[in-house]
Amino acid sequence: MTQATVRAAAMNGWDIYLEGRTAAPAPGERPLPEVAATSPDSMPLAEFVRFSEDVVARTRDVAIPWLAGGNYDLAALGPLGDAINAAGRVGSALRRLVDYFSLLQDCTHIRLALEDDMASVSYRILDPDIWPRHHDAMFTLGIVGQILRRGFMGGLRGGWDKVEFAFEAEAHEMRGDIGKVVCAPCTFGADTNQIRFPAAMLDLALPAPAEPATADVRQLTRSIVTKRRETPLVDRLSQMVLRDLNSCAIEQERFAREMGMSSRTMRRKLTEQGSSFQQVLDECRMRQAVFEFRVRPDLSIAQIALRLGYAEHSNFTRAFHRWSGVSPQAYRAKLAGTAH
């Protein structure tokens, strides 16, 4: 799978919270990257995620990513930032953020959902090799929180007491009391990072920006279409598989429809790229298995096999051995030994 990237402008604004806060790196410790990216050029997503983790580790201030997201200048996101700033209501602003997020960041699943009287925005990096990624989630949910707070300014006071959070990481991995940072109840060890809030908040009016912003949504849609067309089919399919593992059945016909082609055409195009649906599925399952070993050490091999879509854990064991050369048990033991 091609290396995932994020707009370098994601680094904007962090320097305010880092000034005078970080000592020189210890011997062998990674220095923090420069925090002055102002161009639209991209950077590896893994590098940005490491940066957010290093910031918290070095400053011992778990609030920085949340503050960086909550005060982020959305205009730095270019046309998408302008479209968000031009939105008249919270719901339309969040919808634009979600619908066009892939123009900012690759290999990510972000979703706006409604369930009864609650709405949610969930966010998760799909690349299983990027972990830990706890404070990247804090930064992105901070941007969502910023939009919600703008809505409160427009008409609803004290609405934050109905907001809830969930995080992929366990509480102790976050390096601080996240509940105090976000001023809301939090749950941990979830399958995604999420902010939940009353659906009525979607209708809150947003205050007009100090400088009027224009929204060329049609151009954003064209840019999305171009980006998808330029993304290799194997990469697009891999992201769909990683998105749906643990949550729903993996069906190549459904994926083909989502990409606007027949399953026969998809199989032919994959063959032309030297791959197949089964190869992509197997590779994603194995990479996700390693992620599960790392993140969920309390789950049994049988439970992980079930999460990956195997009816029998013996099938998973054989597939993993073919892929790695060792059994899942041995691989997991080696990972645990490395961690300690």
C-alpha atoms as a PDB file:
ATOM      1  CA  MET A   1       0.000   0.000   0.000  1.00  0.00           C
ATOM      2  CA  THR A   2       1.286   3.481  -0.893  1.00  0.00           C
ATOM      3  CA  GLN A   3       2.554   5.566   2.024  1.00  0.00           C
ATOM      4  CA  ALA A   4      -0.270   7.633   3.539  1.00  0.00           C
ATOM      5  CA  THR A   5       0.205  11.401   3.628  1.00  0.00           C
ATOM      6  CA  VAL A   6      -1.323  14.437   5.321  1.00  0.00           C
ATOM      7  CA  ARG A   7      -1.201  18.090   4.347  1.00  0.00           C
ATOM      8  CA  ALA A   8       1.863  19.694   5.911  1.00  0.00           C
ATOM      9  CA  ALA A   9      -0.410  22.516   7.094  1.00  0.00           C
ATOM     10  CA  ALA A  10      -1.508  20.118   9.858  1.00  0.00           C
ATOM     11  CA  MET A  11       1.629  21.335  11.653  1.00  0.00           C
ATOM     12  CA  ASN A  12       0.361  24.924  11.764  1.00  0.00           C
ATOM     13  CA  GLY A  13      -0.342  26.443  15.166  1.00  0.00           C
ATOM     14  CA  TRP A  14       1.404  23.875  17.350  1.00  0.00           C
ATOM     15  CA  ASP A  15       4.361  26.203  17.986  1.00  0.00           C
ATOM     16  CA  ILE A  16       2.191  28.403  20.233  1.00  0.00           C
ATOM     17  CA  TYR A  17       1.902  25.535  22.732  1.00  0.00           C
ATOM     18  CA  LEU A  18       5.497  24.329  22.394  1.00  0.00           C
ATOM     19  CA  GLU A  19       7.405  27.556  22.902  1.00  0.00           C
ATOM     20  CA  GLY A  20       9.745  27.066  25.825  1.00  0.00           C
ATOM     21  CA  ARG A  21       8.119  23.711  26.691  1.00  0.00           C
ATOM     22  CA  THR A  22      10.494  21.148  25.160  1.00  0.00           C
ATOM     23  CA  ALA A  23      14.008  20.446  26.305  1.00  0.00           C
ATOM     24  CA  ALA A  24      16.753  19.296  23.949  1.00  0.00           C
ATOM     25  CA  PRO A  25      16.267  15.625  23.026  1.00  0.00           C
ATOM     26  CA  ALA A  26      18.104  13.095  25.154  1.00  0.00           C
ATOM     27  CA  PRO A  27      20.804  10.937  23.497  1.00  0.00           C
ATOM     28  CA  GLY A  28      19.089   8.657  20.985  1.00  0.00           C
ATOM     29  CA  GLU A  29      15.790  10.550  21.267  1.00  0.00           C
ATOM     30  CA  ARG A  30      14.112  11.782  18.091  1.00  0.00           C
ATOM     31  CA  PRO A  31      14.062  15.584  17.739  1.00  0.00           C
ATOM     32  CA  LEU A  32      10.689  17.172  17.118  1.00  0.00           C
ATOM     33  CA  PRO A  33      10.151  18.237  13.489  1.00  0.00           C
ATOM     34  CA  GLU A  34      10.004  21.910  12.653  1.00  0.00           C
ATOM     35  CA  VAL A  35       6.569  23.328  13.476  1.00  0.00           C
ATOM     36  CA  ALA A  36       6.215  25.969  10.791  1.00  0.00           C
ATOM     37  CA  ALA A  37       4.659  24.235   7.804  1.00  0.00           C
ATOM     38  CA  THR A  38       2.743  26.849   5.826  1.00  0.00           C
ATOM     39  CA  SER A  39       2.690  25.329   2.329  1.00  0.00           C
ATOM     40  CA  PRO A  40       0.080  22.917   0.942  1.00  0.00           C
ATOM     41  CA  ASP A  41       2.737  20.254   0.453  1.00  0.00           C
ATOM     42  CA  SER A  42       2.133  16.908   2.096  1.00  0.00           C
ATOM     43  CA  MET A  43       4.142  14.971   4.641  1.00  0.00           C
ATOM     44  CA  PRO A  44       4.014  11.290   5.639  1.00  0.00           C
ATOM     45  CA  LEU A  45       1.046  10.679   7.917  1.00  0.00           C
ATOM     46  CA  ALA A  46       3.183   8.434  10.126  1.00  0.00           C
ATOM     47  CA  GLU A  47       5.603  11.337  10.663  1.00  0.00           C
ATOM     48  CA  PHE A  48       2.825  13.693  11.756  1.00  0.00           C
ATOM     49  CA  VAL A  49       1.386  11.064  14.099  1.00  0.00           C
ATOM     50  CA  ARG A  50       4.829  10.489  15.651  1.00  0.00           C
ATOM     51  CA  PHE A  51       5.141  14.241  16.073  1.00  0.00           C
ATOM     52  CA  SER A  52       1.865  14.454  18.018  1.00  0.00           C
ATOM     53  CA  GLU A  53       2.921  11.553  20.237  1.00  0.00           C
ATOM     54  CA  ASP A  54       6.361  13.065  20.827  1.00  0.00           C
ATOM     55  CA  VAL A  55       4.858  16.432  21.746  1.00  0.00           C
ATOM     56  CA  VAL A  56       2.892  14.890  24.611  1.00  0.00           C
ATOM     57  CA  ALA A  57       5.763  12.660  25.712  1.00  0.00           C
ATOM     58  CA  ARG A  58       8.257  15.526  25.776  1.00  0.00           C
ATOM     59  CA  THR A  59       6.030  18.200  27.317  1.00  0.00           C
ATOM     60  CA  ARG A  60       3.995  15.864  29.545  1.00  0.00           C
ATOM     61  CA  ASP A  61       0.999  17.999  28.581  1.00  0.00           C
ATOM     62  CA  VAL A  62      -1.789  15.849  27.178  1.00  0.00           C
ATOM     63  CA  ALA A  63      -3.899  18.917  26.385  1.00  0.00           C
ATOM     64  CA  ILE A  64      -1.677  20.282  23.591  1.00  0.00           C
ATOM     65  CA  PRO A  65      -3.110  18.251  20.653  1.00  0.00           C
ATOM     66  CA  TRP A  66      -6.670  19.050  21.765  1.00  0.00           C
ATOM     67  CA  LEU A  67      -5.841  22.755  22.036  1.00  0.00           C
ATOM     68  CA  ALA A  68      -4.032  22.724  18.687  1.00  0.00           C
ATOM     69  CA  GLY A  69      -7.126  21.252  17.022  1.00  0.00           C
ATOM     70  CA  GLY A  70      -9.592  23.387  18.930  1.00  0.00           C
ATOM     71  CA  ASN A  71      -7.840  26.594  17.908  1.00  0.00           C
ATOM     72  CA  TYR A  72      -6.675  25.517  14.464  1.00  0.00           C
ATOM     73  CA  ASP A  73      -7.044  28.129  11.725  1.00  0.00           C
ATOM     74  CA  LEU A  74      -9.281  26.286   9.286  1.00  0.00           C
ATOM     75  CA  ALA A  75      -8.339  28.702   6.526  1.00  0.00           C
ATOM     76  CA  ALA A  76      -4.993  26.859   6.428  1.00  0.00           C
ATOM     77  CA  LEU A  77      -6.873  23.907   4.911  1.00  0.00           C
ATOM     78  CA  GLY A  78      -7.297  25.817   1.675  1.00  0.00           C
ATOM     79  CA  PRO A  79     -10.548  25.424  -0.281  1.00  0.00           C
ATOM     80  CA  LEU A  80     -11.920  22.909   2.223  1.00  0.00           C
ATOM     81  CA  GLY A  81     -11.242  25.264   5.109  1.00  0.00           C
ATOM     82  CA  ASP A  82     -12.995  28.037   3.207  1.00  0.00           C
ATOM     83  CA  ALA A  83     -15.989  25.765   2.600  1.00  0.00           C
ATOM     84  CA  ILE A  84     -16.202  24.867   6.303  1.00  0.00           C
ATOM     85  CA  ASN A  85     -15.930  28.519   7.341  1.00  0.00           C
ATOM     86  CA  ALA A  86     -18.633  29.474   4.853  1.00  0.00           C
ATOM     87  CA  ALA A  87     -21.107  26.898   6.194  1.00  0.00           C
ATOM     88  CA  GLY A  88     -24.131  28.380   7.863  1.00  0.00           C
ATOM     89  CA  ARG A  89     -24.801  25.563  10.331  1.00  0.00           C
ATOM     90  CA  VAL A  90     -22.860  23.033  12.376  1.00  0.00           C
ATOM     91  CA  GLY A  91     -24.240  20.102  10.367  1.00  0.00           C
ATOM     92  CA  SER A  92     -23.176  21.465   6.989  1.00  0.00           C
ATOM     93  CA  ALA A  93     -19.717  22.376   8.326  1.00  0.00           C
ATOM     94  CA  LEU A  94     -19.183  18.874   9.723  1.00  0.00           C
ATOM     95  CA  ARG A  95     -20.551  17.279   6.557  1.00  0.00           C
ATOM     96  CA  ARG A  96     -18.049  19.214   4.449  1.00  0.00           C
ATOM     97  CA  LEU A  97     -15.197  18.252   6.765  1.00  0.00           C
ATOM     98  CA  VAL A  98     -16.153  14.569   6.554  1.00  0.00           C
ATOM     99  CA  ASP A  99     -17.000  14.422   2.851  1.00  0.00           C
ATOM    100  CA  TYR A 100     -13.761  16.043   1.716  1.00  0.00           C
ATOM    101  CA  PHE A 101     -11.371  14.929   4.460  1.00  0.00           C
ATOM    102  CA  SER A 102      -9.497  12.647   2.063  1.00  0.00           C
ATOM    103  CA  LEU A 103      -8.205  15.784   0.309  1.00  0.00           C
ATOM    104  CA  LEU A 104      -6.335  16.497   3.532  1.00  0.00           C
ATOM    105  CA  GLN A 105      -5.301  13.051   4.710  1.00  0.00           C
ATOM    106  CA  ASP A 106      -4.981   9.594   3.176  1.00  0.00           C
ATOM    107  CA  CYS A 107      -5.944   6.192   4.532  1.00  0.00           C
ATOM    108  CA  THR A 108      -8.437   7.475   7.077  1.00  0.00           C
ATOM    109  CA  HIS A 109     -12.070   6.691   7.873  1.00  0.00           C
ATOM    110  CA  ILE A 110     -14.069   9.650   9.142  1.00  0.00           C
ATOM    111  CA  ARG A 111     -17.838   9.482   9.382  1.00  0.00           C
ATOM    112  CA  LEU A 112     -20.779  11.625  10.477  1.00  0.00           C
ATOM    113  CA  ALA A 113     -23.640   9.448  11.718  1.00  0.00           C
ATOM    114  CA  LEU A 114     -27.087   9.827  13.277  1.00  0.00           C
ATOM    115  CA  GLU A 115     -28.596   7.385  15.760  1.00  0.00           C
ATOM    116  CA  ASP A 116     -31.903   8.266  17.376  1.00  0.00           C
ATOM    117  CA  ASP A 117     -31.429  11.687  18.937  1.00  0.00           C
ATOM    118  CA  MET A 118     -27.610  11.573  18.949  1.00  0.00           C
ATOM    119  CA  ALA A 119     -25.074  12.424  16.271  1.00  0.00           C
ATOM    120  CA  SER A 120     -21.417  11.411  16.142  1.00  0.00           C
ATOM    121  CA  VAL A 121     -18.228  12.025  14.225  1.00  0.00           C
ATOM    122  CA  SER A 122     -15.889   9.030  14.270  1.00  0.00           C
ATOM    123  CA  TYR A 123     -12.275   9.141  13.129  1.00  0.00           C
ATOM    124  CA  ARG A 124      -9.720   6.396  12.637  1.00  0.00           C
ATOM    125  CA  ILE A 125      -6.476   6.006  10.707  1.00  0.00           C
ATOM    126  CA  LEU A 126      -6.765   2.799   8.688  1.00  0.00           C
ATOM    127  CA  ASP A 127      -3.063   1.988   8.301  1.00  0.00           C
ATOM    128  CA  PRO A 128      -2.437  -0.742  10.927  1.00  0.00           C
ATOM    129  CA  ASP A 129       1.274   0.065  11.004  1.00  0.00           C
ATOM    130  CA  ILE A 130       0.657   3.536  12.471  1.00  0.00           C
ATOM    131  CA  TRP A 131       0.479   3.046  16.242  1.00  0.00           C
ATOM    132  CA  PRO A 132       0.438   4.631  18.738  1.00  0.00           C
ATOM    133  CA  ARG A 133      -1.800   7.329  17.267  1.00  0.00           C
ATOM    134  CA  HIS A 134      -3.633   8.545  20.344  1.00  0.00           C
ATOM    135  CA  HIS A 135      -2.921  12.254  20.151  1.00  0.00           C
ATOM    136  CA  ASP A 136      -3.468  12.563  16.430  1.00  0.00           C
ATOM    137  CA  ALA A 137      -7.053  11.594  17.298  1.00  0.00           C
ATOM    138  CA  MET A 138      -7.141  14.310  19.963  1.00  0.00           C
ATOM    139  CA  PHE A 139      -6.051  16.870  17.352  1.00  0.00           C
ATOM    140  CA  THR A 140      -8.676  15.868  14.775  1.00  0.00           C
ATOM    141  CA  LEU A 141     -11.498  15.631  17.308  1.00  0.00           C
ATOM    142  CA  GLY A 142     -10.336  19.026  18.559  1.00  0.00           C
ATOM    143  CA  ILE A 143     -11.175  20.441  15.118  1.00  0.00           C
ATOM    144  CA  VAL A 144     -14.626  18.837  15.319  1.00  0.00           C
ATOM    145  CA  GLY A 145     -15.012  20.255  18.811  1.00  0.00           C
ATOM    146  CA  GLN A 146     -14.088  23.695  17.507  1.00  0.00           C
ATOM    147  CA  ILE A 147     -16.989  23.576  15.027  1.00  0.00           C
ATOM    148  CA  LEU A 148     -19.402  22.473  17.759  1.00  0.00           C
ATOM    149  CA  ARG A 149     -18.288  25.268  20.051  1.00  0.00           C
ATOM    150  CA  ARG A 150     -18.846  27.796  17.288  1.00  0.00           C
ATOM    151  CA  GLY A 151     -22.420  26.553  17.175  1.00  0.00           C
ATOM    152  CA  PHE A 152     -22.809  27.146  20.910  1.00  0.00           C
ATOM    153  CA  MET A 153     -21.692  30.734  20.336  1.00  0.00           C
ATOM    154  CA  GLY A 154     -24.473  31.034  17.780  1.00  0.00           C
ATOM    155  CA  GLY A 155     -27.314  30.030  20.050  1.00  0.00           C
ATOM    156  CA  LEU A 156     -26.867  27.203  22.600  1.00  0.00           C
ATOM    157  CA  ARG A 157     -25.222  27.900  25.911  1.00  0.00           C
ATOM    158  CA  GLY A 158     -23.878  25.133  28.100  1.00  0.00           C
ATOM    159  CA  GLY A 159     -24.431  22.448  25.469  1.00  0.00           C
ATOM    160  CA  TRP A 160     -21.049  20.831  26.039  1.00  0.00           C
ATOM    161  CA  ASP A 161     -22.344  18.939  29.067  1.00  0.00           C
ATOM    162  CA  LYS A 162     -24.139  16.568  26.672  1.00  0.00           C
ATOM    163  CA  VAL A 163     -20.994  15.660  24.689  1.00  0.00           C
ATOM    164  CA  GLU A 164     -19.253  12.265  25.079  1.00  0.00           C
ATOM    165  CA  PHE A 165     -15.991  10.818  23.740  1.00  0.00           C
ATOM    166  CA  ALA A 166     -14.585   7.398  22.886  1.00  0.00           C
ATOM    167  CA  PHE A 167     -10.959   6.572  22.067  1.00  0.00           C
ATOM    168  CA  GLU A 168      -9.112   3.623  20.540  1.00  0.00           C
ATOM    169  CA  ALA A 169      -6.380   3.837  23.139  1.00  0.00           C
ATOM    170  CA  GLU A 170      -6.674   2.650  26.700  1.00  0.00           C
ATOM    171  CA  ALA A 171      -6.832   5.351  29.367  1.00  0.00           C
ATOM    172  CA  HIS A 172      -3.292   4.742  30.619  1.00  0.00           C
ATOM    173  CA  GLU A 173      -1.891   5.051  27.082  1.00  0.00           C
ATOM    174  CA  MET A 174      -3.153   8.626  26.759  1.00  0.00           C
ATOM    175  CA  ARG A 175      -0.586   9.871  29.301  1.00  0.00           C
ATOM    176  CA  GLY A 176      -3.061  12.005  31.208  1.00  0.00           C
ATOM    177  CA  ASP A 177      -6.608  12.614  32.358  1.00  0.00           C
ATOM    178  CA  ILE A 178      -8.355  13.063  29.010  1.00  0.00           C
ATOM    179  CA  GLY A 179     -11.741  13.606  30.645  1.00  0.00           C
ATOM    180  CA  LYS A 180     -10.431  16.777  32.299  1.00  0.00           C
ATOM    181  CA  VAL A 181      -8.908  17.952  29.020  1.00  0.00           C
ATOM    182  CA  VAL A 182     -12.084  17.623  26.937  1.00  0.00           C
ATOM    183  CA  CYS A 183     -14.418  18.365  29.890  1.00  0.00           C
ATOM    184  CA  ALA A 184     -16.648  15.416  29.003  1.00  0.00           C
ATOM    185  CA  PRO A 185     -17.135  11.712  29.836  1.00  0.00           C
ATOM    186  CA  CYS A 186     -14.738   9.386  27.996  1.00  0.00           C
ATOM    187  CA  THR A 187     -14.576   5.681  27.262  1.00  0.00           C
ATOM    188  CA  PHE A 188     -11.453   3.862  26.104  1.00  0.00           C
ATOM    189  CA  GLY A 189     -10.415   0.757  24.173  1.00  0.00           C
ATOM    190  CA  ALA A 190     -13.013   1.442  21.467  1.00  0.00           C
ATOM    191  CA  ASP A 191     -12.786   0.436  17.808  1.00  0.00           C
ATOM    192  CA  THR A 192     -12.671   4.080  16.734  1.00  0.00           C
ATOM    193  CA  ASN A 193     -12.218   7.581  18.094  1.00  0.00           C
ATOM    194  CA  GLN A 194     -15.520   9.380  18.408  1.00  0.00           C
ATOM    195  CA  ILE A 195     -17.276  12.487  19.647  1.00  0.00           C
ATOM    196  CA  ARG A 196     -21.028  12.090  20.306  1.00  0.00           C
ATOM    197  CA  PHE A 197     -23.445  14.944  20.809  1.00  0.00           C
ATOM    198  CA  PRO A 198     -27.196  15.648  20.609  1.00  0.00           C
ATOM    199  CA  ALA A 199     -28.341  15.634  16.976  1.00  0.00           C
ATOM    200  CA  ALA A 200     -30.116  18.946  17.584  1.00  0.00           C
ATOM    201  CA  MET A 201     -26.682  20.577  17.621  1.00  0.00           C
ATOM    202  CA  LEU A 202     -26.377  19.952  13.876  1.00  0.00           C
ATOM    203  CA  ASP A 203     -28.983  22.675  13.334  1.00  0.00           C
ATOM    204  CA  LEU A 204     -27.121  25.309  15.339  1.00  0.00           C
ATOM    205  CA  ALA A 205     -26.286  28.410  13.308  1.00  0.00           C
ATOM    206  CA  LEU A 206     -22.616  29.294  12.964  1.00  0.00           C
ATOM    207  CA  PRO A 207     -21.558  32.911  13.475  1.00  0.00           C
ATOM    208  CA  ALA A 208     -20.439  34.674  10.313  1.00  0.00           C
ATOM    209  CA  PRO A 209     -16.628  34.697   9.944  1.00  0.00           C
ATOM    210  CA  ALA A 210     -14.782  37.990  10.373  1.00  0.00           C
ATOM    211  CA  GLU A 211     -13.582  37.651   6.790  1.00  0.00           C
ATOM    212  CA  PRO A 212     -16.268  36.281   4.443  1.00  0.00           C
ATOM    213  CA  ALA A 213     -15.334  32.866   3.050  1.00  0.00           C
ATOM    214  CA  THR A 214     -16.448  31.389  -0.262  1.00  0.00           C
ATOM    215  CA  ALA A 215     -17.325  27.742  -0.786  1.00  0.00           C
ATOM    216  CA  ASP A 216     -16.591  26.134  -4.149  1.00  0.00           C
ATOM    217  CA  VAL A 217     -18.093  22.766  -3.233  1.00  0.00           C
ATOM    218  CA  ARG A 218     -18.269  21.669  -6.864  1.00  0.00           C
ATOM    219  CA  GLN A 219     -14.513  22.102  -7.213  1.00  0.00           C
ATOM    220  CA  LEU A 220     -13.974  20.095  -4.017  1.00  0.00           C
ATOM    221  CA  THR A 221     -16.126  17.313  -5.494  1.00  0.00           C
ATOM    222  CA  ARG A 222     -14.092  17.372  -8.707  1.00  0.00           C
ATOM    223  CA  SER A 223     -10.893  17.198  -6.667  1.00  0.00           C
ATOM    224  CA  ILE A 224     -12.211  14.154  -4.771  1.00  0.00           C
ATOM    225  CA  VAL A 225     -13.065  12.415  -8.052  1.00  0.00           C
ATOM    226  CA  THR A 226      -9.596  13.165  -9.429  1.00  0.00           C
ATOM    227  CA  LYS A 227      -7.880  11.920  -6.281  1.00  0.00           C
ATOM    228  CA  ARG A 228      -9.814   8.650  -6.348  1.00  0.00           C
ATOM    229  CA  ARG A 229      -9.062   8.158 -10.027  1.00  0.00           C
ATOM    230  CA  GLU A 230      -5.344   8.668  -9.385  1.00  0.00           C
ATOM    231  CA  THR A 231      -5.231   6.300  -6.395  1.00  0.00           C
ATOM    232  CA  PRO A 232      -4.146   2.768  -7.377  1.00  0.00           C
ATOM    233  CA  LEU A 233      -7.010   0.278  -7.238  1.00  0.00           C
ATOM    234  CA  VAL A 234      -5.134  -1.958  -4.808  1.00  0.00           C
ATOM    235  CA  ASP A 235      -4.772   0.963  -2.399  1.00  0.00           C
ATOM    236  CA  ARG A 236      -8.458   1.919  -2.646  1.00  0.00           C
ATOM    237  CA  LEU A 237      -9.543  -1.665  -2.082  1.00  0.00           C
ATOM    238  CA  SER A 238      -7.119  -2.134   0.823  1.00  0.00           C
ATOM    239  CA  GLN A 239      -8.531   0.914   2.576  1.00  0.00           C
ATOM    240  CA  MET A 240     -12.086  -0.372   2.148  1.00  0.00           C
ATOM    241  CA  VAL A 241     -11.138  -3.767   3.571  1.00  0.00           C
ATOM    242  CA  LEU A 242      -9.335  -2.201   6.541  1.00  0.00           C
ATOM    243  CA  ARG A 243     -12.303   0.101   7.090  1.00  0.00           C
ATOM    244  CA  ASP A 244     -14.806  -2.759   7.268  1.00  0.00           C
ATOM    245  CA  LEU A 245     -12.828  -5.460   9.090  1.00  0.00           C
ATOM    246  CA  ASN A 246     -14.341  -5.912  12.572  1.00  0.00           C
ATOM    247  CA  SER A 247     -17.555  -4.170  11.549  1.00  0.00           C
ATOM    248  CA  CYS A 248     -19.281  -5.842   8.572  1.00  0.00           C
ATOM    249  CA  ALA A 249     -18.961  -8.599   5.995  1.00  0.00           C
ATOM    250  CA  ILE A 250     -16.216  -8.270   3.404  1.00  0.00           C
ATOM    251  CA  GLU A 251     -17.939  -8.544   0.013  1.00  0.00           C
ATOM    252  CA  GLN A 252     -16.127  -7.829  -3.231  1.00  0.00           C
ATOM    253  CA  GLU A 253     -19.385  -7.078  -5.085  1.00  0.00           C
ATOM    254  CA  ARG A 254     -20.186  -4.309  -2.588  1.00  0.00           C
ATOM    255  CA  PHE A 255     -16.693  -2.843  -2.845  1.00  0.00           C
ATOM    256  CA  ALA A 256     -16.859  -2.903  -6.642  1.00  0.00           C
ATOM    257  CA  ARG A 257     -20.183  -1.044  -6.591  1.00  0.00           C
ATOM    258  CA  GLU A 258     -18.726   1.515  -4.199  1.00  0.00           C
ATOM    259  CA  MET A 259     -15.929   2.136  -6.683  1.00  0.00           C
ATOM    260  CA  GLY A 260     -18.387   2.423  -9.568  1.00  0.00           C
ATOM    261  CA  MET A 261     -17.556  -0.784 -11.428  1.00  0.00           C
ATOM    262  CA  SER A 262     -18.693  -4.371 -11.728  1.00  0.00           C
ATOM    263  CA  SER A 263     -16.962  -7.083  -9.705  1.00  0.00           C
ATOM    264  CA  ARG A 264     -15.751  -8.582 -12.996  1.00  0.00           C
ATOM    265  CA  THR A 265     -14.130  -5.302 -14.007  1.00  0.00           C
ATOM    266  CA  MET A 266     -12.562  -4.961 -10.571  1.00  0.00           C
ATOM    267  CA  ARG A 267     -11.084  -8.465 -10.801  1.00  0.00           C
ATOM    268  CA  ARG A 268      -9.694  -7.712 -14.254  1.00  0.00           C
ATOM    269  CA  LYS A 269      -8.110  -4.436 -13.141  1.00  0.00           C
ATOM    270  CA  LEU A 270      -6.589  -6.112 -10.071  1.00  0.00           C
ATOM    271  CA  THR A 271      -5.094  -8.816 -12.307  1.00  0.00           C
ATOM    272  CA  GLU A 272      -3.596  -6.109 -14.509  1.00  0.00           C
ATOM    273  CA  GLN A 273      -1.934  -4.696 -11.389  1.00  0.00           C
ATOM    274  CA  GLY A 274      -0.574  -8.130 -10.464  1.00  0.00           C
ATOM    275  CA  SER A 275      -2.986  -8.703  -7.606  1.00  0.00           C
ATOM    276  CA  SER A 276      -6.357 -10.230  -6.747  1.00  0.00           C
ATOM    277  CA  PHE A 277      -9.170  -9.599  -4.304  1.00  0.00           C
ATOM    278  CA  GLN A 278      -8.051 -12.535  -2.158  1.00  0.00           C
ATOM    279  CA  GLN A 279      -4.451 -11.298  -2.060  1.00  0.00           C
ATOM    280  CA  VAL A 280      -5.560  -7.854  -0.938  1.00  0.00           C
ATOM    281  CA  LEU A 281      -7.888  -9.345   1.689  1.00  0.00           C
ATOM    282  CA  ASP A 282      -5.216 -11.710   3.019  1.00  0.00           C
ATOM    283  CA  GLU A 283      -2.609  -8.943   3.277  1.00  0.00           C
ATOM    284  CA  CYS A 284      -5.018  -6.621   5.092  1.00  0.00           C
ATOM    285  CA  ARG A 285      -6.065  -9.361   7.499  1.00  0.00           C
ATOM    286  CA  MET A 286      -2.472 -10.188   8.385  1.00  0.00           C
ATOM    287  CA  ARG A 287      -1.467  -6.554   8.922  1.00  0.00           C
ATOM    288  CA  GLN A 288      -4.593  -5.987  10.989  1.00  0.00           C
ATOM    289  CA  ALA A 289      -3.811  -9.118  13.002  1.00  0.00           C
ATOM    290  CA  VAL A 290      -0.456  -7.644  14.030  1.00  0.00           C
ATOM    291  CA  PHE A 291      -2.294  -4.464  15.013  1.00  0.00           C
ATOM    292  CA  GLU A 292      -4.739  -6.470  17.136  1.00  0.00           C
ATOM    293  CA  PHE A 293      -1.864  -8.313  18.852  1.00  0.00           C
ATOM    294  CA  ARG A 294      -0.286  -4.977  19.725  1.00  0.00           C
ATOM    295  CA  VAL A 295      -3.427  -3.116  20.795  1.00  0.00           C
ATOM    296  CA  ARG A 296      -5.605  -5.839  22.323  1.00  0.00           C
ATOM    297  CA  PRO A 297      -3.335  -8.238  24.220  1.00  0.00           C
ATOM    298  CA  ASP A 298      -6.279  -9.446  26.295  1.00  0.00           C
ATOM    299  CA  LEU A 299      -8.065 -11.020  23.301  1.00  0.00           C
ATOM    300  CA  SER A 300      -7.522 -14.698  22.497  1.00  0.00           C
ATOM    301  CA  ILE A 301      -6.298 -15.862  19.095  1.00  0.00           C
ATOM    302  CA  ALA A 302      -9.806 -17.215  18.431  1.00  0.00           C
ATOM    303  CA  GLN A 303     -11.367 -13.833  19.242  1.00  0.00           C
ATOM    304  CA  ILE A 304      -8.952 -12.023  16.941  1.00  0.00           C
ATOM    305  CA  ALA A 305      -9.635 -14.537  14.159  1.00  0.00           C
ATOM    306  CA  LEU A 306     -13.346 -13.810  14.521  1.00  0.00           C
ATOM    307  CA  ARG A 307     -12.742 -10.049  14.381  1.00  0.00           C
ATOM    308  CA  LEU A 308     -10.836 -10.574  11.128  1.00  0.00           C
ATOM    309  CA  GLY A 309     -13.689 -12.506   9.552  1.00  0.00           C
ATOM    310  CA  TYR A 310     -12.468 -16.096   9.956  1.00  0.00           C
ATOM    311  CA  ALA A 311     -15.150 -18.638  10.818  1.00  0.00           C
ATOM    312  CA  GLU A 312     -12.506 -20.992  12.260  1.00  0.00           C
ATOM    313  CA  HIS A 313      -9.437 -19.769  14.102  1.00  0.00           C
ATOM    314  CA  SER A 314      -7.468 -22.715  12.666  1.00  0.00           C
ATOM    315  CA  ASN A 315      -7.844 -21.123   9.213  1.00  0.00           C
ATOM    316  CA  PHE A 316      -6.444 -17.889  10.594  1.00  0.00           C
ATOM    317  CA  THR A 317      -3.533 -19.725  12.232  1.00  0.00           C
ATOM    318  CA  ARG A 318      -2.576 -21.406   8.944  1.00  0.00           C
ATOM    319  CA  ALA A 319      -2.904 -18.169   6.975  1.00  0.00           C
ATOM    320  CA  PHE A 320      -0.820 -16.237   9.494  1.00  0.00           C
ATOM    321  CA  HIS A 321       1.895 -18.894   9.476  1.00  0.00           C
ATOM    322  CA  ARG A 322       2.079 -18.747   5.668  1.00  0.00           C
ATOM    323  CA  TRP A 323       2.355 -14.946   5.840  1.00  0.00           C
ATOM    324  CA  SER A 324       4.855 -14.569   8.685  1.00  0.00           C
ATOM    325  CA  GLY A 325       6.580 -17.939   8.948  1.00  0.00           C
ATOM    326  CA  VAL A 326       5.546 -18.361  12.602  1.00  0.00           C
ATOM    327  CA  SER A 327       2.328 -19.050  14.467  1.00  0.00           C
ATOM    328  CA  PRO A 328       0.152 -16.184  15.741  1.00  0.00           C
ATOM    329  CA  GLN A 329       1.000 -17.232  19.299  1.00  0.00           C
ATOM    330  CA  ALA A 330       4.741 -17.032  18.634  1.00  0.00           C
ATOM    331  CA  TYR A 331       4.448 -13.702  16.828  1.00  0.00           C
ATOM    332  CA  ARG A 332       2.394 -12.227  19.648  1.00  0.00           C
ATOM    333  CA  ALA A 333       4.866 -13.466  22.256  1.00  0.00           C
ATOM    334  CA  LYS A 334       7.723 -11.865  20.333  1.00  0.00           C
ATOM    335  CA  LEU A 335       5.816  -8.569  20.151  1.00  0.00           C
ATOM    336  CA  ALA A 336       5.161  -8.662  23.895  1.00  0.00           C
ATOM    337  CA  GLY A 337       8.833  -9.322  24.573  1.00  0.00           C
ATOM    338  CA  THR A 338       9.891  -6.415  22.356  1.00  0.00           C
ATOM    339  CA  ALA A 339       7.465  -4.083  24.117  1.00  0.00           C
ATOM    340  CA  HIS A 340       9.011  -4.878  27.467  1.00  0.00           C
END
